[in-house]
PDB file of N, CA and C in Angstrom:
ATOM      1  N   MET A   1     -23.259 -64.286  28.150  1.00  0.00           N
ATOM      2  CA  MET A   1     -23.460 -64.999  26.916  1.00  0.00           C
ATOM      3  C   MET A   1     -22.440 -66.189  26.964  1.00  0.00           C
ATOM      4  N   PHE A   2     -22.918 -67.348  26.692  1.00  0.00           N
ATOM      5  CA  PHE A   2     -22.041 -68.514  26.585  1.00  0.00           C
ATOM      6  C   PHE A   2     -21.896 -68.940  25.158  1.00  0.00           C
ATOM      7  N   LEU A   3     -20.697 -69.206  24.704  1.00  0.00           N
ATOM      8  CA  LEU A   3     -20.440 -69.569  23.400  1.00  0.00           C
ATOM      9  C   LEU A   3     -20.343 -71.115  23.275  1.00  0.00           C
ATOM     10  N   LYS A   4     -20.953 -71.666  22.235  1.00  0.00           N
ATOM     11  CA  LYS A   4     -20.927 -73.142  22.074  1.00  0.00           C
ATOM     12  C   LYS A   4     -19.541 -73.586  21.565  1.00  0.00           C
ATOM     13  N   LYS A   5     -19.245 -74.853  21.659  1.00  0.00           N
ATOM     14  CA  LYS A   5     -17.941 -75.346  21.193  1.00  0.00           C
ATOM     15  C   LYS A   5     -17.689 -75.037  19.732  1.00  0.00           C
ATOM     16  N   ASN A   6     -18.703 -75.289  18.946  1.00  0.00           N
ATOM     17  CA  ASN A   6     -18.533 -75.140  17.482  1.00  0.00           C
ATOM     18  C   ASN A   6     -18.880 -73.732  16.920  1.00  0.00           C
ATOM     19  N   TRP A   7     -18.978 -72.810  17.834  1.00  0.00           N
ATOM     20  CA  TRP A   7     -19.357 -71.428  17.435  1.00  0.00           C
ATOM     21  C   TRP A   7     -18.239 -70.835  16.592  1.00  0.00           C
ATOM     22  N   PRO A   8     -18.553 -70.342  15.389  1.00  0.00           N
ATOM     23  CA  PRO A   8     -17.462 -69.837  14.473  1.00  0.00           C
ATOM     24  C   PRO A   8     -16.949 -68.465  14.797  1.00  0.00           C
ATOM     25  N   TYR A   9     -17.546 -67.746  15.813  1.00  0.00           N
ATOM     26  CA  TYR A   9     -17.140 -66.375  16.100  1.00  0.00           C
ATOM     27  C   TYR A   9     -16.409 -66.315  17.461  1.00  0.00           C
ATOM     28  N   SER A  10     -15.655 -65.234  17.602  1.00  0.00           N
ATOM     29  CA  SER A  10     -15.030 -64.975  18.851  1.00  0.00           C
ATOM     30  C   SER A  10     -16.015 -64.262  19.762  1.00  0.00           C
ATOM     31  N   LEU A  11     -15.741 -64.146  21.043  1.00  0.00           N
ATOM     32  CA  LEU A  11     -16.647 -63.505  21.909  1.00  0.00           C
ATOM     33  C   LEU A  11     -16.927 -62.027  21.570  1.00  0.00           C
ATOM     34  N   LEU A  12     -15.883 -61.299  21.173  1.00  0.00           N
ATOM     35  CA  LEU A  12     -15.976 -59.989  20.734  1.00  0.00           C
ATOM     36  C   LEU A  12     -16.947 -59.853  19.494  1.00  0.00           C
ATOM     37  N   GLU A  13     -16.786 -60.753  18.545  1.00  0.00           N
ATOM     38  CA  GLU A  13     -17.652 -60.793  17.382  1.00  0.00           C
ATOM     39  C   GLU A  13     -19.114 -61.039  17.780  1.00  0.00           C
ATOM     40  N   ALA A  14     -19.306 -61.980  18.715  1.00  0.00           N
ATOM     41  CA  ALA A  14     -20.679 -62.335  19.193  1.00  0.00           C
ATOM     42  C   ALA A  14     -21.370 -61.135  19.944  1.00  0.00           C
ATOM     43  N   LEU A  15     -20.568 -60.432  20.631  1.00  0.00           N
ATOM     44  CA  LEU A  15     -21.098 -59.317  21.475  1.00  0.00           C
ATOM     45  C   LEU A  15     -21.274 -57.939  20.735  1.00  0.00           C
ATOM     46  N   SER A  16     -20.643 -57.888  19.560  1.00  0.00           N
ATOM     47  CA  SER A  16     -20.686 -56.593  18.799  1.00  0.00           C
ATOM     48  C   SER A  16     -22.115 -56.465  18.246  1.00  0.00           C
ATOM     49  N   PRO A  17     -22.560 -55.211  18.065  1.00  0.00           N
ATOM     50  CA  PRO A  17     -23.820 -54.874  17.498  1.00  0.00           C
ATOM     51  C   PRO A  17     -23.948 -55.408  16.095  1.00  0.00           C
ATOM     52  N   ARG A  18     -25.154 -55.870  15.686  1.00  0.00           N
ATOM     53  CA  ARG A  18     -25.345 -56.384  14.341  1.00  0.00           C
ATOM     54  C   ARG A  18     -25.536 -55.231  13.381  1.00  0.00           C
ATOM     55  N   THR A  19     -25.073 -55.390  12.106  1.00  0.00           N
ATOM     56  CA  THR A  19     -25.209 -54.364  11.162  1.00  0.00           C
ATOM     57  C   THR A  19     -26.458 -54.553  10.304  1.00  0.00           C
ATOM     58  N   GLU A  20     -26.831 -55.805  10.135  1.00  0.00           N
ATOM     59  CA  GLU A  20     -28.047 -56.044   9.309  1.00  0.00           C
ATOM     60  C   GLU A  20     -29.112 -56.529  10.303  1.00  0.00           C
ATOM     61  N   CYS A  21     -30.225 -55.831  10.250  1.00  0.00           N
ATOM     62  CA  CYS A  21     -31.308 -56.224  11.137  1.00  0.00           C
ATOM     63  C   CYS A  21     -32.638 -56.058  10.436  1.00  0.00           C
ATOM     64  N   GLY A  22     -33.397 -57.094  10.242  1.00  0.00           N
ATOM     65  CA  GLY A  22     -34.658 -57.044   9.583  1.00  0.00           C
ATOM     66  C   GLY A  22     -34.553 -57.061   8.066  1.00  0.00           C
ATOM     67  N   ASN A  23     -33.386 -57.414   7.588  1.00  0.00           N
ATOM     68  CA  ASN A  23     -33.244 -57.465   6.117  1.00  0.00           C
ATOM     69  C   ASN A  23     -33.742 -58.822   5.568  1.00  0.00           C
ATOM     70  N   ALA A  24     -34.868 -58.783   4.882  1.00  0.00           N
ATOM     71  CA  ALA A  24     -35.485 -60.013   4.483  1.00  0.00           C
ATOM     72  C   ALA A  24     -34.648 -60.928   3.550  1.00  0.00           C
ATOM     73  N   THR A  25     -33.791 -60.227   2.797  1.00  0.00           N
ATOM     74  CA  THR A  25     -32.988 -60.984   1.835  1.00  0.00           C
ATOM     75  C   THR A  25     -31.810 -61.687   2.539  1.00  0.00           C
ATOM     76  N   ARG A  26     -31.638 -61.510   3.792  1.00  0.00           N
ATOM     77  CA  ARG A  26     -30.533 -62.090   4.514  1.00  0.00           C
ATOM     78  C   ARG A  26     -30.835 -63.375   5.306  1.00  0.00           C
ATOM     79  N   ARG A  27     -32.101 -63.849   5.057  1.00  0.00           N
ATOM     80  CA  ARG A  27     -32.483 -65.092   5.745  1.00  0.00           C
ATOM     81  C   ARG A  27     -31.579 -66.245   5.290  1.00  0.00           C
ATOM     82  N   ARG A  28     -31.236 -67.029   6.227  1.00  0.00           N
ATOM     83  CA  ARG A  28     -30.332 -68.194   5.971  1.00  0.00           C
ATOM     84  C   ARG A  28     -30.853 -69.465   6.575  1.00  0.00           C
ATOM     85  N   GLY A  29     -30.338 -70.523   6.025  1.00  0.00           N
ATOM     86  CA  GLY A  29     -30.608 -71.849   6.604  1.00  0.00           C
ATOM     87  C   GLY A  29     -29.758 -72.026   7.839  1.00  0.00           C
ATOM     88  N   ARG A  30     -30.027 -73.041   8.652  1.00  0.00           N
ATOM     89  CA  ARG A  30     -29.326 -73.300   9.828  1.00  0.00           C
ATOM     90  C   ARG A  30     -27.926 -73.797   9.519  1.00  0.00           C
ATOM     91  N   ALA A  31     -27.758 -74.555   8.446  1.00  0.00           N
ATOM     92  CA  ALA A  31     -26.445 -75.137   8.120  1.00  0.00           C
ATOM     93  C   ALA A  31     -25.419 -74.135   7.677  1.00  0.00           C
ATOM     94  N   GLU A  32     -25.894 -73.020   7.105  1.00  0.00           N
ATOM     95  CA  GLU A  32     -25.040 -71.982   6.579  1.00  0.00           C
ATOM     96  C   GLU A  32     -24.513 -71.076   7.708  1.00  0.00           C
ATOM     97  N   VAL A  33     -23.290 -70.719   7.691  1.00  0.00           N
ATOM     98  CA  VAL A  33     -22.766 -69.813   8.736  1.00  0.00           C
ATOM     99  C   VAL A  33     -22.784 -68.411   8.139  1.00  0.00           C
ATOM    100  N   PRO A  34     -23.489 -67.466   8.784  1.00  0.00           N
ATOM    101  CA  PRO A  34     -23.556 -66.178   8.217  1.00  0.00           C
ATOM    102  C   PRO A  34     -22.272 -65.375   8.446  1.00  0.00           C
ATOM    103  N   PRO A  35     -21.833 -64.655   7.505  1.00  0.00           N
ATOM    104  CA  PRO A  35     -20.593 -63.860   7.662  1.00  0.00           C
ATOM    105  C   PRO A  35     -20.904 -62.592   8.518  1.00  0.00           C
ATOM    106  N   LEU A  36     -19.910 -62.207   9.333  1.00  0.00           N
ATOM    107  CA  LEU A  36     -20.113 -61.015  10.085  1.00  0.00           C
ATOM    108  C   LEU A  36     -19.472 -59.829   9.287  1.00  0.00           C
ATOM    109  N   GLU A  37     -20.299 -58.966   8.748  1.00  0.00           N
ATOM    110  CA  GLU A  37     -19.876 -57.909   7.897  1.00  0.00           C
ATOM    111  C   GLU A  37     -19.476 -56.724   8.638  1.00  0.00           C
ATOM    112  N   GLY A  38     -19.995 -56.463   9.789  1.00  0.00           N
ATOM    113  CA  GLY A  38     -19.807 -55.270  10.532  1.00  0.00           C
ATOM    114  C   GLY A  38     -18.572 -55.114  11.301  1.00  0.00           C
ATOM    115  N   GLY A  39     -17.616 -55.898  11.106  1.00  0.00           N
ATOM    116  CA  GLY A  39     -16.377 -55.933  11.964  1.00  0.00           C
ATOM    117  C   GLY A  39     -16.118 -54.567  12.499  1.00  0.00           C
ATOM    118  N   LEU A  40     -16.609 -54.340  13.693  1.00  0.00           N
ATOM    119  CA  LEU A  40     -16.461 -53.050  14.340  1.00  0.00           C
ATOM    120  C   LEU A  40     -15.019 -52.602  14.504  1.00  0.00           C
ATOM    121  N   LEU A  41     -14.173 -53.502  14.887  1.00  0.00           N
ATOM    122  CA  LEU A  41     -12.767 -53.064  15.165  1.00  0.00           C
ATOM    123  C   LEU A  41     -11.893 -53.017  13.942  1.00  0.00           C
ATOM    124  N   LYS A  42     -12.344 -53.563  12.803  1.00  0.00           N
ATOM    125  CA  LYS A  42     -11.430 -53.559  11.662  1.00  0.00           C
ATOM    126  C   LYS A  42     -11.207 -52.199  11.039  1.00  0.00           C
ATOM    127  N   HIS A  43     -12.031 -51.221  11.438  1.00  0.00           N
ATOM    128  CA  HIS A  43     -11.864 -49.837  10.978  1.00  0.00           C
ATOM    129  C   HIS A  43     -10.922 -49.037  11.754  1.00  0.00           C
ATOM    130  N   PHE A  44     -10.378 -49.570  12.860  1.00  0.00           N
ATOM    131  CA  PHE A  44      -9.446 -48.852  13.717  1.00  0.00           C
ATOM    132  C   PHE A  44      -8.086 -49.317  13.450  1.00  0.00           C
ATOM    133  N   SER A  45      -7.105 -48.383  13.585  1.00  0.00           N
ATOM    134  CA  SER A  45      -5.718 -48.719  13.505  1.00  0.00           C
ATOM    135  C   SER A  45      -5.195 -49.078  14.900  1.00  0.00           C
ATOM    136  N   GLU A  46      -4.002 -49.486  15.018  1.00  0.00           N
ATOM    137  CA  GLU A  46      -3.349 -49.817  16.248  1.00  0.00           C
ATOM    138  C   GLU A  46      -3.264 -48.730  17.226  1.00  0.00           C
ATOM    139  N   ASP A  47      -3.200 -47.457  16.722  1.00  0.00           N
ATOM    140  CA  ASP A  47      -3.087 -46.283  17.587  1.00  0.00           C
ATOM    141  C   ASP A  47      -4.412 -45.647  17.930  1.00  0.00           C
ATOM    142  N   ALA A  48      -5.512 -46.333  17.672  1.00  0.00           N
ATOM    143  CA  ALA A  48      -6.767 -45.797  18.064  1.00  0.00           C
ATOM    144  C   ALA A  48      -6.953 -45.794  19.569  1.00  0.00           C
ATOM    145  N   THR A  49      -7.525 -44.718  20.117  1.00  0.00           N
ATOM    146  CA  THR A  49      -7.666 -44.614  21.582  1.00  0.00           C
ATOM    147  C   THR A  49      -8.919 -45.381  21.998  1.00  0.00           C
ATOM    148  N   PRO A  50      -8.889 -45.875  23.218  1.00  0.00           N
ATOM    149  CA  PRO A  50     -10.041 -46.608  23.789  1.00  0.00           C
ATOM    150  C   PRO A  50     -11.306 -45.786  23.702  1.00  0.00           C
ATOM    151  N   THR A  51     -11.123 -44.447  23.861  1.00  0.00           N
ATOM    152  CA  THR A  51     -12.306 -43.562  23.780  1.00  0.00           C
ATOM    153  C   THR A  51     -12.987 -43.622  22.449  1.00  0.00           C
ATOM    154  N   GLU A  52     -12.165 -43.592  21.380  1.00  0.00           N
ATOM    155  CA  GLU A  52     -12.712 -43.691  20.003  1.00  0.00           C
ATOM    156  C   GLU A  52     -13.442 -44.981  19.798  1.00  0.00           C
ATOM    157  N   ILE A  53     -12.852 -46.057  20.289  1.00  0.00           N
ATOM    158  CA  ILE A  53     -13.445 -47.391  20.063  1.00  0.00           C
ATOM    159  C   ILE A  53     -14.745 -47.511  20.801  1.00  0.00           C
ATOM    160  N   VAL A  54     -14.768 -46.994  22.045  1.00  0.00           N
ATOM    161  CA  VAL A  54     -16.005 -47.081  22.836  1.00  0.00           C
ATOM    162  C   VAL A  54     -17.132 -46.210  22.211  1.00  0.00           C
ATOM    163  N   ALA A  55     -16.701 -45.032  21.632  1.00  0.00           N
ATOM    164  CA  ALA A  55     -17.699 -44.158  20.945  1.00  0.00           C
ATOM    165  C   ALA A  55     -18.272 -44.873  19.737  1.00  0.00           C
ATOM    166  N   ALA A  56     -17.430 -45.540  18.973  1.00  0.00           N
ATOM    167  CA  ALA A  56     -17.885 -46.159  17.766  1.00  0.00           C
ATOM    168  C   ALA A  56     -18.753 -47.390  18.167  1.00  0.00           C
ATOM    169  N   PHE A  57     -18.456 -48.019  19.242  1.00  0.00           N
ATOM    170  CA  PHE A  57     -19.314 -49.170  19.665  1.00  0.00           C
ATOM    171  C   PHE A  57     -20.645 -48.651  20.091  1.00  0.00           C
ATOM    172  N   LYS A  58     -20.751 -47.536  20.801  1.00  0.00           N
ATOM    173  CA  LYS A  58     -21.955 -46.995  21.219  1.00  0.00           C
ATOM    174  C   LYS A  58     -22.809 -46.503  20.048  1.00  0.00           C
ATOM    175  N   GLN A  59     -22.171 -45.924  19.038  1.00  0.00           N
ATOM    176  CA  GLN A  59     -22.913 -45.533  17.826  1.00  0.00           C
ATOM    177  C   GLN A  59     -23.451 -46.724  17.099  1.00  0.00           C
ATOM    178  N   ALA A  60     -22.746 -47.775  16.979  1.00  0.00           N
ATOM    179  CA  ALA A  60     -23.180 -49.000  16.306  1.00  0.00           C
ATOM    180  C   ALA A  60     -24.323 -49.608  17.122  1.00  0.00           C
ATOM    181  N   GLU A  61     -24.230 -49.552  18.445  1.00  0.00           N
ATOM    182  CA  GLU A  61     -25.283 -50.068  19.315  1.00  0.00           C
ATOM    183  C   GLU A  61     -26.541 -49.340  19.070  1.00  0.00           C
ATOM    184  N   GLN A  62     -26.442 -48.019  18.993  1.00  0.00           N
ATOM    185  CA  GLN A  62     -27.567 -47.159  18.825  1.00  0.00           C
ATOM    186  C   GLN A  62     -28.226 -47.396  17.408  1.00  0.00           C
ATOM    187  N   ARG A  63     -27.433 -47.623  16.423  1.00  0.00           N
ATOM    188  CA  ARG A  63     -27.977 -47.919  15.059  1.00  0.00           C
ATOM    189  C   ARG A  63     -28.705 -49.230  15.068  1.00  0.00           C
ATOM    190  N   GLU A  64     -28.171 -50.243  15.829  1.00  0.00           N
ATOM    191  CA  GLU A  64     -28.767 -51.562  15.911  1.00  0.00           C
ATOM    192  C   GLU A  64     -30.158 -51.350  16.604  1.00  0.00           C
ATOM    193  N   LEU A  65     -30.255 -50.657  17.679  1.00  0.00           N
ATOM    194  CA  LEU A  65     -31.503 -50.441  18.407  1.00  0.00           C
ATOM    195  C   LEU A  65     -32.481 -49.729  17.545  1.00  0.00           C
ATOM    196  N   THR A  66     -32.086 -48.761  16.830  1.00  0.00           N
ATOM    197  CA  THR A  66     -32.996 -48.032  15.888  1.00  0.00           C
ATOM    198  C   THR A  66     -33.490 -48.958  14.823  1.00  0.00           C
ATOM    199  N   ALA A  67     -32.696 -49.797  14.231  1.00  0.00           N
ATOM    200  CA  ALA A  67     -33.069 -50.788  13.256  1.00  0.00           C
ATOM    201  C   ALA A  67     -34.076 -51.784  13.803  1.00  0.00           C
ATOM    202  N   ILE A  68     -33.874 -52.209  15.043  1.00  0.00           N
ATOM    203  CA  ILE A  68     -34.767 -53.177  15.627  1.00  0.00           C
ATOM    204  C   ILE A  68     -36.143 -52.533  15.893  1.00  0.00           C
ATOM    205  N   LYS A  69     -36.132 -51.256  16.359  1.00  0.00           N
ATOM    206  CA  LYS A  69     -37.378 -50.551  16.596  1.00  0.00           C
ATOM    207  C   LYS A  69     -38.176 -50.348  15.266  1.00  0.00           C
ATOM    208  N   GLU A  70     -37.428 -50.034  14.229  1.00  0.00           N
ATOM    209  CA  GLU A  70     -38.112 -49.892  12.905  1.00  0.00           C
ATOM    210  C   GLU A  70     -38.705 -51.167  12.425  1.00  0.00           C
ATOM    211  N   LEU A  71     -37.982 -52.258  12.656  1.00  0.00           N
ATOM    212  CA  LEU A  71     -38.480 -53.618  12.249  1.00  0.00           C
ATOM    213  C   LEU A  71     -39.751 -53.929  13.096  1.00  0.00           C
ATOM    214  N   ARG A  72     -39.716 -53.678  14.380  1.00  0.00           N
ATOM    215  CA  ARG A  72     -40.909 -53.932  15.219  1.00  0.00           C
ATOM    216  C   ARG A  72     -42.111 -53.082  14.664  1.00  0.00           C
ATOM    217  N   THR A  73     -41.888 -51.827  14.326  1.00  0.00           N
ATOM    218  CA  THR A  73     -42.943 -50.994  13.777  1.00  0.00           C
ATOM    219  C   THR A  73     -43.518 -51.545  12.546  1.00  0.00           C
ATOM    220  N   ARG A  74     -42.649 -51.974  11.627  1.00  0.00           N
ATOM    221  CA  ARG A  74     -43.145 -52.582  10.350  1.00  0.00           C
ATOM    222  C   ARG A  74     -43.921 -53.875  10.605  1.00  0.00           C
ATOM    223  N   ASN A  75     -43.477 -54.688  11.493  1.00  0.00           N
ATOM    224  CA  ASN A  75     -44.149 -55.893  11.883  1.00  0.00           C
ATOM    225  C   ASN A  75     -45.439 -55.647  12.498  1.00  0.00           C
ATOM    226  N   MET A  76     -45.555 -54.602  13.316  1.00  0.00           N
ATOM    227  CA  MET A  76     -46.837 -54.217  14.000  1.00  0.00           C
ATOM    228  C   MET A  76     -47.881 -53.802  12.896  1.00  0.00           C
ATOM    229  N   ARG A  77     -47.416 -53.057  11.951  1.00  0.00           N
ATOM    230  CA  ARG A  77     -48.277 -52.618  10.853  1.00  0.00           C
ATOM    231  C   ARG A  77     -48.813 -53.817  10.102  1.00  0.00           C
ATOM    232  N   LYS A  78     -47.980 -54.807   9.827  1.00  0.00           N
ATOM    233  CA  LYS A  78     -48.388 -55.998   9.139  1.00  0.00           C
ATOM    234  C   LYS A  78     -49.508 -56.742   9.933  1.00  0.00           C
ATOM    235  N   GLU A  79     -49.377 -56.853  11.269  1.00  0.00           N
ATOM    236  CA  GLU A  79     -50.343 -57.484  12.096  1.00  0.00           C
ATOM    237  C   GLU A  79     -51.685 -56.737  12.062  1.00  0.00           C
ATOM    238  N   VAL A  80     -51.642 -55.424  12.040  1.00  0.00           N
ATOM    239  CA  VAL A  80     -52.867 -54.625  11.984  1.00  0.00           C
ATOM    240  C   VAL A  80     -53.616 -54.880  10.665  1.00  0.00           C
ATOM    241  N   ARG A  81     -52.900 -54.942   9.606  1.00  0.00           N
ATOM    242  CA  ARG A  81     -53.501 -55.078   8.281  1.00  0.00           C
ATOM    243  C   ARG A  81     -54.067 -56.433   8.047  1.00  0.00           C
ATOM    244  N   ALA A  82     -53.502 -57.463   8.708  1.00  0.00           N
ATOM    245  CA  ALA A  82     -53.928 -58.886   8.450  1.00  0.00           C
ATOM    246  C   ALA A  82     -55.381 -59.018   8.944  1.00  0.00           C
ATOM    247  N   PRO A  83     -56.261 -59.795   8.125  1.00  0.00           N
ATOM    248  CA  PRO A  83     -57.629 -59.985   8.597  1.00  0.00           C
ATOM    249  C   PRO A  83     -57.806 -60.886   9.788  1.00  0.00           C
TER     250      PRO A  83
END
């Protein structure tokens, strides 16, 4: 992944799993910068082990994949219902 010059996020923030996926109320315009709410690492203290951090990342990644699959399923149902 390449970050643009004016990108407001760090590489870690850009690569972290998203917390909101498919939430229709979260649609934004291009000019507005969306806040990253899911700060994966902000829940850990300085003495957190790398194993704990990796496990939390994997869980967040799994939640993101589940949310994306649910969104796809909902969208497929919409396509089937459309005339």
